[in-house]
Amino acid sequence: MCRQPKRCVASRVAGDIRLVVNPAGGKQKWARMEYRLDCLFFRGHMPCVPHKERGVHCASCPEYVRREGRILLIKLGAAGDVIRTTPLLHPLRRDYPRHVLSWLTRSPELLPGLVDDPLPLDTSSLAWLGQTQFDLVINLDKDREACAIATAVAAPRKLGYVLGEDGLPQPVDDGPAREKYLTGLFDDVNQACRLSYLEEIFAICGYVFAGEEYILDRPRPAREFTLPIGKTLVGLNTGCGGRWTSRLWPEPSWQALADGLQKAGHGVVLLGGPLEDAKNQRLAAVTGATYPGHFDLQTFIGLVDRCDLVVTAVTMAMHIALGLGKKMVLFNNIFNSHEFELYGRGVVLAPEQECTCFFAPRCHNDNFCMETLRPSTVHRAVSDLLEEA
C-alpha cells in the first residue's frame, strides 16, 4: 500500500501493478509489482498472512502454493455442534491441502486456525457465496436455511443435505446421509442408532472415524484466574441453557457434590454463563467453592482449560472441555448416549429413573428423573477418573 500519496501513483495493469515513485530530488522510477491470484494465501481484499508476518511480496515469496480449488463446509448449528464437527477437519486438510476451506457458521469465533476462510452467516457471506464456484460443498445441517444455501451454491459435488423441489430438506444420496436423515425424523430410529455423531458425519463425507480429536484453539494470551493452588481442579458446569430445562440437575445436588469434592481435597470451580450467575453465587456462598464469574467466550474457554476434570450436562461447555482434552463426567437423560465421543477420558451418567422425555426441552413427567442422579454416584465417577490419571 502506498504511504506517500503525493509522491506515488498506483494503477492496475493486466494483473499486476506499476508503481510510480518520485524520490525527493530524483527522477521518476517505475517498478513492476506482481501478485498471484492463484496462490493459496491470496485474499484480494487484504494482505496475505505471509506478507503480514514476514513482509514478503508475491514475486519472491518462498511460501507460494498454487491453489487447486475451494471447499465449503456448512455447519450453522449451535456452538457446541460447531465444535464437535471440527474433527472432520483432519481428513479434509489431509486430502485437500491445497484447497481453500471456507466454513459458514453462526459461530465463526469458535473455528480453529485450520479453517482458511471462516464465514459468518450474514448478507456479505451469502452475496459472496452466490458468486463463487466451489469444488465440493458439505452441508451437515438438515434445516431449511442451511439446505437452501447448499442448494444455491455452485459446485459439481455436494455431500449431506440440500433442498428438494418441494422445498423440503433431503439427503443428497441414499447412503449415510439418508441414514442420519432418518434419525432426525423418527425417535425410535434415533434411539436404535449405535453410531456416534462423529461416526455419522465422517461416513457422510466418505471417511471412517478413527478417533480424530476435536480442534479448539486455546486463547492467547490466556487470562489469569485466582483459583485453588496445589489441588486437582474440578469444574462444575451447573447449567444447560434456558431452553433445555429437562437436562438440569437440581441445585441441592450440585451443592452436595461441591461439598463432597472439597472434603476429599479437590478444588471446585463453578462454571456457567449469565443464566447460571445467581445460582453459582449461591453455591459459592454456601459451599466455599470458587466462582470467578461469567465471561465472554474466549475467556470462558481459558477458564475451562484450567480445570483437570469437568462435570457437565450436554452443553457447549461439554464440547469446549472435550476440545481442550479434559476428563469428563457427562450427565445425559434425553439423548441417545451412543452419540457422544468422550475419547476414553470420560463417563456418561444417567439418572436411576428412566427418562421418557426423549429430545424434549421440558420434562413432562410428574417426577423429574434428574433428581434420581445421586451426588454420591457423581462423586465416585469423578474419583475413579482422577485416580486413573
Protein backbone atom coordinates (compact mmCIF):
# COMPACT_ATOMS: atom_id res chain seq x y z
CA MET A 1 0.00 0.00 0.00
CA CYS A 2 1.34 3.45 -0.89
CA ARG A 3 2.11 5.51 2.21
CA GLN A 4 3.04 8.74 0.37
CA PRO A 5 0.07 9.54 -1.85
CA LYS A 6 1.55 12.85 -3.05
CA ARG A 7 4.63 11.12 -4.39
CA CYS A 8 3.20 7.84 -5.59
CA VAL A 9 0.53 6.84 -8.10
CA ALA A 10 -0.59 3.22 -8.50
CA SER A 11 -2.55 1.70 -11.36
CA ARG A 12 -3.53 -1.89 -12.09
CA VAL A 13 -2.34 -3.12 -15.49
CA ALA A 14 -3.21 -6.61 -16.75
CA GLY A 15 -2.89 -8.42 -13.48
CA ASP A 16 -0.01 -6.51 -11.96
CA ILE A 17 0.75 -3.08 -10.55
CA ARG A 18 3.03 -0.40 -11.88
CA LEU A 19 4.34 1.77 -9.08
CA VAL A 20 5.46 5.30 -9.92
CA VAL A 21 7.97 6.65 -7.41
CA ASN A 22 9.12 10.26 -7.11
CA PRO A 23 12.02 10.29 -4.68
CA ALA A 24 12.83 13.73 -3.31
CA GLY A 25 15.12 15.41 -5.81
CA GLY A 26 15.24 12.32 -8.05
CA LYS A 27 13.73 11.18 -11.31
CA GLN A 28 10.61 9.09 -11.74
CA LYS A 29 11.26 5.36 -11.43
CA TRP A 30 8.99 2.54 -12.49
CA ALA A 31 8.83 -0.71 -10.55
CA ARG A 32 6.77 -3.74 -11.53
CA MET A 33 4.94 -5.42 -8.65
CA GLU A 34 3.37 -8.81 -9.26
CA TYR A 35 0.60 -10.52 -7.37
CA ARG A 36 -0.55 -14.11 -7.72
CA LEU A 37 -4.28 -14.60 -7.87
CA ASP A 38 -3.88 -18.38 -7.83
CA CYS A 39 -1.91 -18.51 -4.56
CA LEU A 40 -3.47 -20.43 -1.69
CA PHE A 41 -2.82 -17.48 0.63
CA PHE A 42 -4.07 -14.71 -1.67
CA ARG A 43 -7.15 -12.88 -0.34
CA GLY A 44 -7.57 -10.00 -2.77
CA HIS A 45 -9.10 -7.56 -0.29
CA MET A 46 -6.35 -7.60 2.33
CA PRO A 47 -2.68 -8.53 2.83
CA CYS A 48 -1.97 -12.24 2.98
CA VAL A 49 -0.59 -13.92 6.10
CA PRO A 50 2.98 -14.42 4.74
CA HIS A 51 3.19 -10.72 3.90
CA LYS A 52 1.81 -9.59 7.27
CA GLU A 53 4.10 -11.90 9.22
CA ARG A 54 7.30 -11.70 7.15
CA GLY A 55 6.86 -8.79 4.75
CA VAL A 56 7.35 -10.92 1.64
CA HIS A 57 5.96 -9.96 -1.79
CA CYS A 58 4.48 -12.33 -4.34
CA ALA A 59 7.37 -12.23 -6.83
CA SER A 60 9.89 -13.55 -4.32
CA CYS A 61 7.64 -15.32 -1.80
CA PRO A 62 9.02 -18.75 -0.80
CA GLU A 63 5.61 -19.75 0.57
CA TYR A 64 3.72 -19.57 -2.72
CA VAL A 65 1.37 -22.54 -3.09
CA ARG A 66 -0.85 -22.87 -6.12
CA ARG A 67 -4.50 -23.04 -5.08
CA GLU A 68 -6.19 -26.13 -6.52
CA GLY A 69 -9.79 -25.36 -5.59
CA ARG A 70 -12.33 -24.44 -2.94
CA ILE A 71 -14.36 -26.41 -0.40
CA LEU A 72 -17.36 -25.10 1.52
CA LEU A 73 -18.43 -26.65 4.82
CA ILE A 74 -21.83 -25.61 6.14
CA LYS A 75 -22.48 -26.22 9.82
CA LEU A 76 -24.56 -23.34 11.13
CA GLY A 77 -25.89 -25.11 14.22
CA ALA A 78 -25.44 -24.45 17.90
CA ALA A 79 -21.96 -23.54 19.13
CA GLY A 80 -21.45 -26.99 20.61
CA ASP A 81 -22.35 -28.63 17.31
CA VAL A 82 -19.81 -26.46 15.53
CA ILE A 83 -17.05 -27.52 17.93
CA ARG A 84 -17.89 -31.21 17.65
CA THR A 85 -17.72 -31.04 13.86
CA THR A 86 -14.07 -29.90 13.91
CA PRO A 87 -12.62 -33.46 13.90
CA LEU A 88 -13.72 -33.59 10.26
CA LEU A 89 -11.01 -31.04 9.51
CA HIS A 90 -8.34 -33.72 9.99
CA PRO A 91 -9.21 -35.77 6.87
CA LEU A 92 -10.30 -32.73 4.86
CA ARG A 93 -6.97 -30.95 5.41
CA ARG A 94 -5.13 -34.19 4.66
CA ASP A 95 -6.94 -34.88 1.38
CA TYR A 96 -7.29 -31.26 0.20
CA PRO A 97 -4.11 -29.49 1.41
CA ARG A 98 -4.16 -27.01 -1.49
CA HIS A 99 -7.85 -26.15 -1.39
CA VAL A 100 -9.17 -23.08 0.39
CA LEU A 101 -11.55 -24.32 3.09
CA SER A 102 -14.47 -22.00 3.87
CA TRP A 103 -16.81 -22.73 6.79
CA LEU A 104 -20.19 -20.99 7.04
CA THR A 105 -21.48 -20.79 10.62
CA ARG A 106 -23.19 -18.64 13.21
CA SER A 107 -20.16 -19.13 15.47
CA PRO A 108 -17.08 -18.22 13.42
CA GLU A 109 -15.22 -17.23 16.60
CA LEU A 110 -15.05 -20.93 17.52
CA LEU A 111 -13.40 -22.08 14.31
CA PRO A 112 -9.75 -23.11 14.59
CA GLY A 113 -6.91 -21.71 12.53
CA LEU A 114 -7.09 -24.73 10.21
CA VAL A 115 -10.09 -23.08 8.57
CA ASP A 116 -8.78 -20.73 5.87
CA ASP A 117 -11.95 -18.70 5.49
CA PRO A 118 -14.37 -18.51 8.46
CA LEU A 119 -17.67 -17.12 7.17
CA PRO A 120 -20.29 -15.61 9.49
CA LEU A 121 -23.87 -16.20 8.43
CA ASP A 122 -24.69 -12.73 7.11
CA THR A 123 -25.63 -10.96 3.88
CA SER A 124 -22.00 -10.33 2.93
CA SER A 125 -21.13 -14.03 3.10
CA LEU A 126 -24.27 -15.04 1.22
CA ALA A 127 -23.58 -12.49 -1.52
CA TRP A 128 -20.05 -13.84 -1.97
CA LEU A 129 -21.19 -17.47 -1.92
CA GLY A 130 -23.67 -16.71 -4.67
CA GLN A 131 -20.85 -15.62 -7.00
CA THR A 132 -18.20 -18.23 -6.16
CA GLN A 133 -17.57 -21.66 -7.65
CA PHE A 134 -16.66 -24.49 -5.27
CA ASP A 135 -15.34 -27.95 -5.97
CA LEU A 136 -17.14 -29.52 -3.01
CA VAL A 137 -19.96 -28.41 -0.72
CA ILE A 138 -20.59 -30.30 2.52
CA ASN A 139 -23.75 -29.41 4.42
CA LEU A 140 -24.25 -31.27 7.70
CA ASP A 141 -27.33 -29.33 8.86
CA LYS A 142 -30.77 -30.65 8.00
CA ASP A 143 -32.68 -27.40 8.50
CA ARG A 144 -34.21 -25.46 5.60
CA GLU A 145 -31.88 -22.46 5.81
CA ALA A 146 -28.67 -24.49 5.54
CA CYS A 147 -30.15 -26.75 2.86
CA ALA A 148 -31.26 -23.74 0.81
CA ILE A 149 -27.74 -22.31 0.92
CA ALA A 150 -26.19 -25.65 -0.03
CA THR A 151 -28.59 -25.96 -2.96
CA ALA A 152 -27.88 -22.46 -4.24
CA VAL A 153 -24.07 -22.61 -4.11
CA ALA A 154 -22.46 -23.75 -7.36
CA ALA A 155 -20.43 -26.96 -7.03
CA PRO A 156 -20.16 -30.18 -9.09
CA ARG A 157 -20.14 -32.31 -5.94
CA LYS A 158 -22.26 -31.98 -2.81
CA LEU A 159 -22.46 -34.09 0.35
CA GLY A 160 -25.00 -34.09 3.14
CA TYR A 161 -28.28 -32.24 2.68
CA VAL A 162 -29.96 -29.96 0.14
CA LEU A 163 -33.50 -28.77 -0.64
CA GLY A 164 -35.73 -30.89 -2.80
CA GLU A 165 -38.00 -29.44 -5.48
CA ASP A 166 -40.80 -29.35 -2.88
CA GLY A 167 -38.74 -27.00 -0.69
CA LEU A 168 -38.05 -29.62 1.98
CA PRO A 169 -34.62 -30.77 3.22
CA GLN A 170 -33.44 -34.07 1.82
CA PRO A 171 -30.23 -36.14 1.76
CA VAL A 172 -28.01 -35.86 -1.30
CA ASP A 173 -27.80 -39.67 -1.62
CA ASP A 174 -29.20 -42.91 -0.21
CA GLY A 175 -26.11 -43.72 1.85
CA PRO A 176 -25.05 -42.49 5.31
CA ALA A 177 -26.69 -39.09 4.75
CA ARG A 178 -30.06 -40.78 4.39
CA GLU A 179 -29.47 -42.91 7.49
CA LYS A 180 -28.73 -39.83 9.60
CA TYR A 181 -31.68 -38.04 7.98
CA LEU A 182 -34.00 -40.74 9.30
CA THR A 183 -32.71 -40.36 12.87
CA GLY A 184 -33.98 -36.79 12.78
CA LEU A 185 -37.46 -37.86 11.68
CA PHE A 186 -38.24 -40.81 13.94
CA ASP A 187 -37.39 -41.02 17.65
CA ASP A 188 -37.34 -44.83 17.66
CA VAL A 189 -34.83 -44.87 14.79
CA ASN A 190 -32.67 -42.38 16.68
CA GLN A 191 -32.84 -44.41 19.88
CA ALA A 192 -31.83 -47.57 18.00
CA CYS A 193 -28.77 -45.91 16.44
CA ARG A 194 -25.43 -47.16 17.79
CA LEU A 195 -23.17 -44.74 15.94
CA SER A 196 -21.64 -41.64 17.43
CA TYR A 197 -22.22 -38.26 15.84
CA LEU A 198 -18.64 -38.29 14.58
CA GLU A 199 -19.02 -41.73 13.02
CA GLU A 200 -22.13 -40.48 11.23
CA ILE A 201 -20.68 -37.27 9.78
CA PHE A 202 -17.41 -38.97 8.80
CA ALA A 203 -19.41 -41.60 6.91
CA ILE A 204 -21.43 -38.88 5.14
CA CYS A 205 -18.12 -37.47 3.85
CA GLY A 206 -16.75 -40.87 2.82
CA TYR A 207 -14.44 -41.36 5.80
CA VAL A 208 -14.17 -43.79 8.71
CA PHE A 209 -13.86 -42.14 12.10
CA ALA A 210 -10.65 -43.28 13.79
CA GLY A 211 -10.57 -41.25 16.97
CA GLU A 212 -9.74 -37.88 15.42
CA GLU A 213 -9.80 -35.25 18.16
CA TYR A 214 -11.72 -32.00 18.37
CA ILE A 215 -9.74 -28.94 17.23
CA LEU A 216 -10.16 -25.94 19.50
CA ASP A 217 -7.62 -23.13 19.64
CA ARG A 218 -6.68 -22.01 23.12
CA PRO A 219 -6.90 -18.24 23.73
CA ARG A 220 -3.57 -16.43 23.55
CA PRO A 221 -2.73 -14.92 25.91
CA ALA A 222 -4.85 -16.77 28.45
CA ARG A 223 -6.35 -14.75 31.27
CA GLU A 224 -5.18 -15.42 34.81
CA PHE A 225 -7.70 -16.51 37.43
CA THR A 226 -7.49 -16.77 41.20
CA LEU A 227 -8.07 -20.49 41.70
CA PRO A 228 -7.18 -23.04 44.40
CA ILE A 229 -3.46 -23.84 44.31
CA GLY A 230 -1.91 -27.28 44.64
CA LYS A 231 -5.18 -29.14 44.15
CA THR A 232 -6.83 -31.06 41.35
CA LEU A 233 -9.41 -28.67 39.92
CA VAL A 234 -12.89 -29.99 39.17
CA GLY A 235 -15.11 -27.69 37.12
CA LEU A 236 -18.85 -27.91 37.80
CA ASN A 237 -20.84 -26.56 34.86
CA THR A 238 -24.17 -26.06 36.60
CA GLY A 239 -26.45 -25.06 33.71
CA CYS A 240 -27.59 -26.16 30.28
CA GLY A 241 -29.21 -23.05 28.79
CA GLY A 242 -32.66 -21.65 29.31
CA ARG A 243 -34.37 -23.80 26.70
CA TRP A 244 -33.36 -27.31 27.79
CA THR A 245 -34.53 -27.41 31.40
CA SER A 246 -35.16 -31.16 31.06
CA ARG A 247 -31.38 -31.62 31.46
CA LEU A 248 -30.92 -29.58 34.65
CA TRP A 249 -29.50 -31.23 37.74
CA PRO A 250 -31.12 -29.81 40.91
CA GLU A 251 -29.18 -27.11 42.77
CA PRO A 252 -29.10 -29.08 46.09
CA SER A 253 -27.35 -31.90 44.21
CA TRP A 254 -24.66 -29.52 42.93
CA GLN A 255 -24.23 -28.26 46.50
CA ALA A 256 -23.78 -31.77 47.89
CA LEU A 257 -21.27 -32.63 45.15
CA ALA A 258 -19.23 -29.45 45.72
CA ASP A 259 -19.11 -30.12 49.47
CA GLY A 260 -18.04 -33.72 48.99
CA LEU A 261 -15.33 -32.96 46.45
CA GLN A 262 -13.81 -30.25 48.64
CA LYS A 263 -13.80 -32.53 51.68
CA ALA A 264 -11.92 -35.03 49.52
CA GLY A 265 -9.23 -32.42 48.90
CA HIS A 266 -10.17 -31.21 45.42
CA GLY A 267 -10.55 -27.63 44.31
CA VAL A 268 -14.02 -26.88 42.94
CA VAL A 269 -14.57 -24.23 40.26
CA LEU A 270 -18.14 -23.23 39.37
CA LEU A 271 -18.72 -22.70 35.65
CA GLY A 272 -21.58 -21.11 33.75
CA GLY A 273 -22.90 -18.16 31.83
CA PRO A 274 -25.26 -15.29 32.68
CA LEU A 275 -28.19 -17.68 33.24
CA GLU A 276 -26.23 -19.53 35.93
CA ASP A 277 -24.75 -16.48 37.64
CA ALA A 278 -27.22 -16.21 40.50
CA LYS A 279 -27.16 -19.97 41.10
CA ASN A 280 -23.36 -20.09 41.12
CA GLN A 281 -23.17 -17.16 43.52
CA ARG A 282 -25.49 -19.00 45.90
CA LEU A 283 -23.46 -22.21 45.59
CA ALA A 284 -20.19 -20.36 46.18
CA ALA A 285 -21.62 -18.68 49.29
CA VAL A 286 -22.90 -21.95 50.75
CA THR A 287 -20.06 -24.31 49.83
CA GLY A 288 -16.99 -22.07 49.59
CA ALA A 289 -16.37 -23.26 46.02
CA THR A 290 -14.56 -20.84 43.71
CA TYR A 291 -16.73 -18.85 41.33
CA PRO A 292 -14.68 -16.47 39.15
CA GLY A 293 -17.84 -15.16 37.41
CA HIS A 294 -19.19 -15.41 33.86
CA PHE A 295 -17.19 -14.21 30.89
CA ASP A 296 -17.03 -13.80 27.15
CA LEU A 297 -16.49 -16.98 25.15
CA GLN A 298 -12.71 -16.87 24.77
CA THR A 299 -12.20 -16.09 28.46
CA PHE A 300 -14.56 -18.92 29.38
CA ILE A 301 -12.51 -21.31 27.24
CA GLY A 302 -9.41 -20.21 29.14
CA LEU A 303 -11.15 -20.84 32.47
CA VAL A 304 -12.27 -24.34 31.46
CA ASP A 305 -8.70 -25.01 30.34
CA ARG A 306 -7.53 -24.51 33.94
CA CYS A 307 -9.70 -27.41 35.12
CA ASP A 308 -8.49 -31.01 35.24
CA LEU A 309 -11.98 -32.52 35.02
CA VAL A 310 -15.38 -31.10 34.15
CA VAL A 311 -18.79 -32.27 35.35
CA THR A 312 -21.49 -31.13 32.96
CA ALA A 313 -24.72 -31.84 31.17
CA VAL A 314 -24.81 -31.87 27.35
CA THR A 315 -23.92 -28.23 26.65
CA MET A 316 -21.45 -26.06 24.78
CA ALA A 317 -19.16 -26.32 27.84
CA MET A 318 -19.09 -30.08 27.34
CA HIS A 319 -17.72 -29.66 23.82
CA ILE A 320 -15.26 -26.98 24.94
CA ALA A 321 -13.93 -29.34 27.61
CA LEU A 322 -13.61 -32.16 25.09
CA GLY A 323 -11.82 -29.83 22.70
CA LEU A 324 -9.36 -28.99 25.48
CA GLY A 325 -8.73 -32.66 26.25
CA LYS A 326 -10.28 -32.62 29.72
CA LYS A 327 -11.57 -35.58 31.68
CA MET A 328 -15.34 -35.50 31.95
CA VAL A 329 -18.37 -36.74 33.83
CA LEU A 330 -21.28 -36.20 31.47
CA PHE A 331 -24.93 -36.16 32.54
CA ASN A 332 -27.35 -37.46 29.94
CA ASN A 333 -31.01 -38.27 30.14
CA ILE A 334 -32.81 -37.14 26.95
CA PHE A 335 -30.33 -38.06 24.21
CA ASN A 336 -29.02 -41.31 22.76
CA SER A 337 -25.87 -41.88 24.81
CA HIS A 338 -24.14 -43.55 21.85
CA GLU A 339 -23.87 -40.22 20.03
CA PHE A 340 -21.17 -38.90 22.38
CA GLU A 341 -17.45 -39.46 21.81
CA LEU A 342 -15.50 -38.89 25.03
CA TYR A 343 -12.18 -40.26 23.72
CA GLY A 344 -11.70 -42.61 26.66
CA ARG A 345 -11.40 -39.68 29.05
CA GLY A 346 -14.92 -39.64 30.45
CA VAL A 347 -18.03 -41.43 31.57
CA VAL A 348 -21.71 -40.85 30.82
CA LEU A 349 -24.06 -40.95 33.82
CA ALA A 350 -27.82 -41.40 33.55
CA PRO A 351 -30.41 -40.94 36.32
CA GLU A 352 -31.67 -44.05 38.09
CA GLN A 353 -35.22 -43.28 36.96
CA GLU A 354 -35.54 -43.94 33.25
CA CYS A 355 -36.16 -40.78 31.25
CA THR A 356 -39.12 -40.83 28.86
CA CYS A 357 -38.70 -37.27 27.56
CA PHE A 358 -36.52 -38.16 24.59
CA PHE A 359 -35.25 -34.99 22.89
CA ALA A 360 -37.78 -32.90 24.85
CA PRO A 361 -36.64 -29.48 26.12
CA ARG A 362 -39.09 -29.64 29.05
CA CYS A 363 -39.82 -32.55 31.37
CA HIS A 364 -43.43 -33.71 31.05
CA ASN A 365 -43.43 -36.30 33.85
CA ASP A 366 -44.74 -35.91 37.37
CA ASN A 367 -41.36 -37.00 38.78
CA PHE A 368 -38.21 -35.36 37.40
CA CYS A 369 -35.70 -38.08 36.52
CA MET A 370 -32.59 -35.94 37.11
CA GLU A 371 -33.48 -35.82 40.81
CA THR A 372 -32.58 -39.54 40.94
CA LEU A 373 -28.96 -38.98 39.84
CA ARG A 374 -27.22 -39.08 43.20
CA PRO A 375 -24.32 -36.79 44.14
CA SER A 376 -22.53 -39.81 45.60
CA THR A 377 -22.67 -41.53 42.19
CA VAL A 378 -21.18 -38.46 40.52
CA HIS A 379 -18.51 -38.11 43.21
CA ARG A 380 -17.48 -41.73 42.75
CA ALA A 381 -17.19 -41.26 38.97
CA VAL A 382 -15.02 -38.16 39.47
CA SER A 383 -12.76 -40.03 41.88
CA ASP A 384 -12.39 -43.00 39.53
CA LEU A 385 -11.39 -40.80 36.60
CA LEU A 386 -8.89 -38.81 38.64
CA GLU A 387 -7.37 -41.98 40.09
CA GLU A 388 -6.85 -43.26 36.55
CA ALA A 389 -4.87 -40.13 35.80
